[in-house]
């Protein structure tokens, strides 16, 4: 990965490029794999290699992914990797014009829908996981009374905590500690609401 920092997406073109359902899935799969070919990703998303290759090139055109070093690998296929640790989207970058705001909302809804679908698949397969994984899995809802500053501070703390665990897990995985290690999704939302 070229950069250890998350990329702030603030332009409409990149937002639209990312806001395609298959591209979101491909970005997520590539983020987990760290390096993969179009063929490998096509298997994961159950799509044709040619279609996956097209969408990978679109993600690359906007700097979201990049070609990976092919050292020691078969040179016939192009390897890809995320161009940054992750992506960040801020409402303030897309609130100046109706088209920007509408596109940001649509991409956010699509991302949320994919999160819900991932969790539904987990619920459907929950009983097929070993008991330690069933016990470790969680779903929580907290209803707090906070200020905007307190919510922002909470988000920062949670982000730091999750990053620490993610980095530890990746380092242990790369060191060969792969037994009983699985991909884990954490979808965290914090938002105001009125009753």
C-alpha atoms as a PDB file:
ATOM      1  CA  UNK A   1       0.000   0.000   0.000  1.00  0.00           C
ATOM      2  CA  UNK A   2       1.408   3.330  -1.015  1.00  0.00           C
ATOM      3  CA  UNK A   3       0.140   5.344   1.927  1.00  0.00           C
ATOM      4  CA  UNK A   4      -0.545   4.465   5.538  1.00  0.00           C
ATOM      5  CA  UNK A   5      -2.941   7.410   5.849  1.00  0.00           C
ATOM      6  CA  UNK A   6      -6.609   7.440   4.957  1.00  0.00           C
ATOM      7  CA  UNK A   7      -7.532   9.487   1.920  1.00  0.00           C
ATOM      8  CA  UNK A   8     -10.086  12.245   2.228  1.00  0.00           C
ATOM      9  CA  UNK A   9     -12.345  12.113  -0.821  1.00  0.00           C
ATOM     10  CA  UNK A  10     -13.583  15.632  -1.485  1.00  0.00           C
ATOM     11  CA  UNK A  11     -14.287  15.863  -5.225  1.00  0.00           C
ATOM     12  CA  UNK A  12     -17.450  14.877  -7.030  1.00  0.00           C
ATOM     13  CA  UNK A  13     -15.706  12.810  -9.725  1.00  0.00           C
ATOM     14  CA  UNK A  14     -13.994  10.524  -7.217  1.00  0.00           C
ATOM     15  CA  UNK A  15     -17.159  10.277  -5.133  1.00  0.00           C
ATOM     16  CA  UNK A  16     -19.141   9.207  -8.206  1.00  0.00           C
ATOM     17  CA  UNK A  17     -16.443   6.734  -9.235  1.00  0.00           C
ATOM     18  CA  UNK A  18     -16.522   5.120  -5.800  1.00  0.00           C
ATOM     19  CA  UNK A  19     -20.318   5.276  -5.606  1.00  0.00           C
ATOM     20  CA  UNK A  20     -20.896   2.345  -7.941  1.00  0.00           C
ATOM     21  CA  UNK A  21     -22.140  -0.819  -6.147  1.00  0.00           C
ATOM     22  CA  UNK A  22     -19.585  -3.170  -7.713  1.00  0.00           C
ATOM     23  CA  UNK A  23     -16.728  -0.716  -7.201  1.00  0.00           C
ATOM     24  CA  UNK A  24     -17.548  -0.446  -3.513  1.00  0.00           C
ATOM     25  CA  UNK A  25     -17.503  -4.228  -3.221  1.00  0.00           C
ATOM     26  CA  UNK A  26     -14.238  -4.458  -5.135  1.00  0.00           C
ATOM     27  CA  UNK A  27     -12.621  -1.752  -3.016  1.00  0.00           C
ATOM     28  CA  UNK A  28     -13.703  -3.557   0.166  1.00  0.00           C
ATOM     29  CA  UNK A  29     -12.441  -6.935  -1.117  1.00  0.00           C
ATOM     30  CA  UNK A  30      -9.125  -5.403  -2.179  1.00  0.00           C
ATOM     31  CA  UNK A  31      -8.779  -3.618   1.156  1.00  0.00           C
ATOM     32  CA  UNK A  32      -9.125  -6.969   2.930  1.00  0.00           C
ATOM     33  CA  UNK A  33      -6.819  -8.868   0.557  1.00  0.00           C
ATOM     34  CA  UNK A  34      -4.287  -6.002   0.396  1.00  0.00           C
ATOM     35  CA  UNK A  35      -3.143  -7.235  -3.039  1.00  0.00           C
ATOM     36  CA  UNK A  36      -5.135  -9.119  -5.640  1.00  0.00           C
ATOM     37  CA  UNK A  37      -5.679  -9.624  -9.344  1.00  0.00           C
ATOM     38  CA  UNK A  38      -8.893  -9.001 -11.242  1.00  0.00           C
ATOM     39  CA  UNK A  39      -9.350 -12.780 -11.498  1.00  0.00           C
ATOM     40  CA  UNK A  40      -9.104 -13.234  -7.738  1.00  0.00           C
ATOM     41  CA  UNK A  41     -11.511 -10.375  -7.071  1.00  0.00           C
ATOM     42  CA  UNK A  42     -13.937 -11.590  -9.755  1.00  0.00           C
ATOM     43  CA  UNK A  43     -14.245 -14.874  -7.875  1.00  0.00           C
ATOM     44  CA  UNK A  44     -15.053 -13.045  -4.652  1.00  0.00           C
ATOM     45  CA  UNK A  45     -17.756 -10.827  -6.143  1.00  0.00           C
ATOM     46  CA  UNK A  46     -19.054 -13.437  -8.621  1.00  0.00           C
ATOM     47  CA  UNK A  47     -18.622 -11.265 -11.708  1.00  0.00           C
ATOM     48  CA  UNK A  48     -16.808 -11.629 -15.036  1.00  0.00           C
ATOM     49  CA  UNK A  49     -13.087 -10.850 -14.988  1.00  0.00           C
ATOM     50  CA  UNK A  50     -13.472  -8.360 -17.854  1.00  0.00           C
ATOM     51  CA  UNK A  51     -16.122  -6.407 -15.917  1.00  0.00           C
ATOM     52  CA  UNK A  52     -14.026  -6.444 -12.749  1.00  0.00           C
ATOM     53  CA  UNK A  53     -10.951  -5.272 -14.699  1.00  0.00           C
ATOM     54  CA  UNK A  54     -12.946  -2.361 -16.126  1.00  0.00           C
ATOM     55  CA  UNK A  55     -14.130  -1.232 -12.692  1.00  0.00           C
ATOM     56  CA  UNK A  56     -10.668  -1.635 -11.169  1.00  0.00           C
ATOM     57  CA  UNK A  57      -9.280   0.668 -13.859  1.00  0.00           C
ATOM     58  CA  UNK A  58     -11.987   3.228 -13.015  1.00  0.00           C
ATOM     59  CA  UNK A  59     -11.018   3.104  -9.339  1.00  0.00           C
ATOM     60  CA  UNK A  60      -7.369   3.521 -10.360  1.00  0.00           C
ATOM     61  CA  UNK A  61      -8.163   6.516 -12.591  1.00  0.00           C
ATOM     62  CA  UNK A  62      -9.333   8.328  -9.463  1.00  0.00           C
ATOM     63  CA  UNK A  63      -6.373   7.255  -7.345  1.00  0.00           C
ATOM     64  CA  UNK A  64      -8.398   4.984  -5.067  1.00  0.00           C
ATOM     65  CA  UNK A  65      -6.332   1.918  -5.966  1.00  0.00           C
ATOM     66  CA  UNK A  66      -3.023   1.431  -7.745  1.00  0.00           C
ATOM     67  CA  UNK A  67      -0.935  -1.243  -9.361  1.00  0.00           C
ATOM     68  CA  UNK A  68       0.896  -3.364  -6.812  1.00  0.00           C
ATOM     69  CA  UNK A  69       4.494  -4.491  -6.989  1.00  0.00           C
ATOM     70  CA  UNK A  70       4.571  -7.806  -8.837  1.00  0.00           C
ATOM     71  CA  UNK A  71       7.875  -9.032  -7.432  1.00  0.00           C
ATOM     72  CA  UNK A  72       7.877 -12.818  -7.390  1.00  0.00           C
ATOM     73  CA  UNK A  73       4.491 -13.031  -9.050  1.00  0.00           C
ATOM     74  CA  UNK A  74       3.303 -14.083 -12.475  1.00  0.00           C
ATOM     75  CA  UNK A  75       3.754 -11.042 -14.718  1.00  0.00           C
ATOM     76  CA  UNK A  76       0.828 -11.887 -16.991  1.00  0.00           C
ATOM     77  CA  UNK A  77      -1.778 -10.469 -14.639  1.00  0.00           C
ATOM     78  CA  UNK A  78      -1.982  -7.000 -13.161  1.00  0.00           C
ATOM     79  CA  UNK A  79      -1.939  -6.868  -9.362  1.00  0.00           C
ATOM     80  CA  UNK A  80      -3.813  -4.134  -7.525  1.00  0.00           C
ATOM     81  CA  UNK A  81      -3.694  -2.649  -4.026  1.00  0.00           C
ATOM     82  CA  UNK A  82      -5.483   0.177  -2.201  1.00  0.00           C
ATOM     83  CA  UNK A  83      -3.700   3.503  -2.646  1.00  0.00           C
ATOM     84  CA  UNK A  84      -4.288   4.444   1.001  1.00  0.00           C
ATOM     85  CA  UNK A  85      -5.219   2.911   4.348  1.00  0.00           C
ATOM     86  CA  UNK A  86      -8.861   3.763   3.768  1.00  0.00           C
ATOM     87  CA  UNK A  87     -11.242   6.442   2.564  1.00  0.00           C
ATOM     88  CA  UNK A  88     -12.909   9.261   4.461  1.00  0.00           C
ATOM     89  CA  UNK A  89     -15.944  11.233   3.311  1.00  0.00           C
ATOM     90  CA  UNK A  90     -17.075  14.418   5.070  1.00  0.00           C
ATOM     91  CA  UNK A  91     -20.445  16.060   4.597  1.00  0.00           C
ATOM     92  CA  UNK A  92     -18.825  19.501   4.611  1.00  0.00           C
ATOM     93  CA  UNK A  93     -16.992  18.689   1.362  1.00  0.00           C
ATOM     94  CA  UNK A  94     -20.254  18.040  -0.489  1.00  0.00           C
ATOM     95  CA  UNK A  95     -22.743  20.506   1.005  1.00  0.00           C
ATOM     96  CA  UNK A  96     -22.180  23.563  -1.200  1.00  0.00           C
ATOM     97  CA  UNK A  97     -24.396  22.501  -4.111  1.00  0.00           C
ATOM     98  CA  UNK A  98     -27.500  20.304  -4.425  1.00  0.00           C
ATOM     99  CA  UNK A  99     -25.787  17.863  -6.842  1.00  0.00           C
ATOM    100  CA  UNK A 100     -22.872  17.408  -4.438  1.00  0.00           C
ATOM    101  CA  UNK A 101     -25.150  16.848  -1.454  1.00  0.00           C
ATOM    102  CA  UNK A 102     -27.416  14.460  -3.374  1.00  0.00           C
ATOM    103  CA  UNK A 103     -24.481  12.398  -4.638  1.00  0.00           C
ATOM    104  CA  UNK A 104     -22.922  12.236  -1.174  1.00  0.00           C
ATOM    105  CA  UNK A 105     -26.248  11.072   0.287  1.00  0.00           C
ATOM    106  CA  UNK A 106     -26.703   8.453  -2.442  1.00  0.00           C
ATOM    107  CA  UNK A 107     -23.189   7.056  -1.942  1.00  0.00           C
ATOM    108  CA  UNK A 108     -23.703   6.999   1.839  1.00  0.00           C
ATOM    109  CA  UNK A 109     -26.998   5.116   1.442  1.00  0.00           C
ATOM    110  CA  UNK A 110     -25.395   2.604  -0.935  1.00  0.00           C
ATOM    111  CA  UNK A 111     -22.570   2.001   1.515  1.00  0.00           C
ATOM    112  CA  UNK A 112     -25.066   1.542   4.348  1.00  0.00           C
ATOM    113  CA  UNK A 113     -27.131  -0.877   2.232  1.00  0.00           C
ATOM    114  CA  UNK A 114     -24.017  -2.965   1.600  1.00  0.00           C
ATOM    115  CA  UNK A 115     -23.240  -2.955   5.332  1.00  0.00           C
ATOM    116  CA  UNK A 116     -26.768  -4.170   6.075  1.00  0.00           C
ATOM    117  CA  UNK A 117     -26.443  -6.906   3.441  1.00  0.00           C
ATOM    118  CA  UNK A 118     -23.152  -8.076   4.988  1.00  0.00           C
ATOM    119  CA  UNK A 119     -24.798  -8.262   8.402  1.00  0.00           C
ATOM    120  CA  UNK A 120     -27.838 -10.103   7.006  1.00  0.00           C
ATOM    121  CA  UNK A 121     -25.536 -12.704   5.450  1.00  0.00           C
ATOM    122  CA  UNK A 122     -23.836 -13.054   8.828  1.00  0.00           C
ATOM    123  CA  UNK A 123     -27.191 -13.567  10.570  1.00  0.00           C
ATOM    124  CA  UNK A 124     -28.174 -16.182   7.986  1.00  0.00           C
ATOM    125  CA  UNK A 125     -24.880 -18.066   8.511  1.00  0.00           C
ATOM    126  CA  UNK A 126     -24.503 -17.355  12.231  1.00  0.00           C
ATOM    127  CA  UNK A 127     -25.128 -20.954  13.340  1.00  0.00           C
ATOM    128  CA  UNK A 128     -22.472 -22.292  10.957  1.00  0.00           C
ATOM    129  CA  UNK A 129     -19.692 -20.479  12.854  1.00  0.00           C
ATOM    130  CA  UNK A 130     -17.913 -22.197  15.780  1.00  0.00           C
ATOM    131  CA  UNK A 131     -19.210 -21.325  19.235  1.00  0.00           C
ATOM    132  CA  UNK A 132     -16.260 -19.033  20.082  1.00  0.00           C
ATOM    133  CA  UNK A 133     -17.035 -16.885  17.031  1.00  0.00           C
ATOM    134  CA  UNK A 134     -20.759 -16.856  17.835  1.00  0.00           C
ATOM    135  CA  UNK A 135     -19.944 -15.730  21.386  1.00  0.00           C
ATOM    136  CA  UNK A 136     -17.496 -13.045  20.212  1.00  0.00           C
ATOM    137  CA  UNK A 137     -19.849 -11.550  17.598  1.00  0.00           C
ATOM    138  CA  UNK A 138     -21.867  -8.616  18.853  1.00  0.00           C
ATOM    139  CA  UNK A 139     -24.461  -6.090  17.918  1.00  0.00           C
ATOM    140  CA  UNK A 140     -25.116  -3.166  20.231  1.00  0.00           C
ATOM    141  CA  UNK A 141     -27.158  -0.028  20.292  1.00  0.00           C
ATOM    142  CA  UNK A 142     -26.326   2.833  22.622  1.00  0.00           C
ATOM    143  CA  UNK A 143     -28.529   5.859  23.011  1.00  0.00           C
ATOM    144  CA  UNK A 144     -26.569   8.715  24.539  1.00  0.00           C
ATOM    145  CA  UNK A 145     -27.231  12.380  25.137  1.00  0.00           C
ATOM    146  CA  UNK A 146     -24.174  14.225  23.769  1.00  0.00           C
ATOM    147  CA  UNK A 147     -23.051  17.473  22.211  1.00  0.00           C
ATOM    148  CA  UNK A 148     -21.613  17.556  18.692  1.00  0.00           C
ATOM    149  CA  UNK A 149     -18.127  17.984  20.192  1.00  0.00           C
ATOM    150  CA  UNK A 150     -18.616  14.972  22.470  1.00  0.00           C
ATOM    151  CA  UNK A 151     -19.827  12.843  19.562  1.00  0.00           C
ATOM    152  CA  UNK A 152     -16.795  13.901  17.493  1.00  0.00           C
ATOM    153  CA  UNK A 153     -14.453  13.023  20.390  1.00  0.00           C
ATOM    154  CA  UNK A 154     -16.162   9.641  20.810  1.00  0.00           C
ATOM    155  CA  UNK A 155     -15.745   8.948  17.077  1.00  0.00           C
ATOM    156  CA  UNK A 156     -12.032   9.792  17.276  1.00  0.00           C
ATOM    157  CA  UNK A 157     -11.500   7.484  20.269  1.00  0.00           C
ATOM    158  CA  UNK A 158     -13.397   4.621  18.655  1.00  0.00           C
ATOM    159  CA  UNK A 159     -11.460   5.085  15.415  1.00  0.00           C
ATOM    160  CA  UNK A 160      -8.136   4.963  17.282  1.00  0.00           C
ATOM    161  CA  UNK A 161      -9.171   1.839  19.187  1.00  0.00           C
ATOM    162  CA  UNK A 162     -10.362  -0.008  16.076  1.00  0.00           C
ATOM    163  CA  UNK A 163      -7.236   0.995  14.123  1.00  0.00           C
ATOM    164  CA  UNK A 164      -5.045  -0.345  16.927  1.00  0.00           C
ATOM    165  CA  UNK A 165      -6.751  -3.746  16.827  1.00  0.00           C
ATOM    166  CA  UNK A 166      -6.737  -3.805  13.018  1.00  0.00           C
ATOM    167  CA  UNK A 167      -3.003  -3.026  12.874  1.00  0.00           C
ATOM    168  CA  UNK A 168      -2.172  -5.620  15.552  1.00  0.00           C
ATOM    169  CA  UNK A 169      -4.209  -8.269  13.747  1.00  0.00           C
ATOM    170  CA  UNK A 170      -2.649  -7.494  10.372  1.00  0.00           C
ATOM    171  CA  UNK A 171       0.896  -7.567  11.841  1.00  0.00           C
ATOM    172  CA  UNK A 172       0.242 -10.917  13.528  1.00  0.00           C
ATOM    173  CA  UNK A 173      -1.324 -12.287  10.350  1.00  0.00           C
ATOM    174  CA  UNK A 174       1.697 -11.193   8.285  1.00  0.00           C
ATOM    175  CA  UNK A 175       3.983 -12.821  10.891  1.00  0.00           C
ATOM    176  CA  UNK A 176       2.240 -16.161  10.310  1.00  0.00           C
ATOM    177  CA  UNK A 177      -0.249 -16.111  13.189  1.00  0.00           C
ATOM    178  CA  UNK A 178      -3.192 -17.056  10.963  1.00  0.00           C
ATOM    179  CA  UNK A 179      -4.901 -19.782  12.967  1.00  0.00           C
ATOM    180  CA  UNK A 180      -8.511 -18.914  13.807  1.00  0.00           C
ATOM    181  CA  UNK A 181      -8.082 -15.462  12.210  1.00  0.00           C
ATOM    182  CA  UNK A 182     -11.032 -14.249  10.112  1.00  0.00           C
ATOM    183  CA  UNK A 183     -12.123 -11.055   8.389  1.00  0.00           C
ATOM    184  CA  UNK A 184     -14.275  -9.040  10.776  1.00  0.00           C
ATOM    185  CA  UNK A 185     -16.607  -6.196   9.812  1.00  0.00           C
ATOM    186  CA  UNK A 186     -17.213  -3.357  12.240  1.00  0.00           C
ATOM    187  CA  UNK A 187     -19.876  -0.892  11.129  1.00  0.00           C
ATOM    188  CA  UNK A 188     -20.135   1.992  13.528  1.00  0.00           C
ATOM    189  CA  UNK A 189     -22.564   4.874  13.188  1.00  0.00           C
ATOM    190  CA  UNK A 190     -23.062   7.861  15.416  1.00  0.00           C
ATOM    191  CA  UNK A 191     -25.781  10.336  14.507  1.00  0.00           C
ATOM    192  CA  UNK A 192     -28.260  12.713  16.137  1.00  0.00           C
ATOM    193  CA  UNK A 193     -31.961  11.959  16.108  1.00  0.00           C
ATOM    194  CA  UNK A 194     -35.097  13.417  17.582  1.00  0.00           C
ATOM    195  CA  UNK A 195     -37.936  11.399  19.059  1.00  0.00           C
END
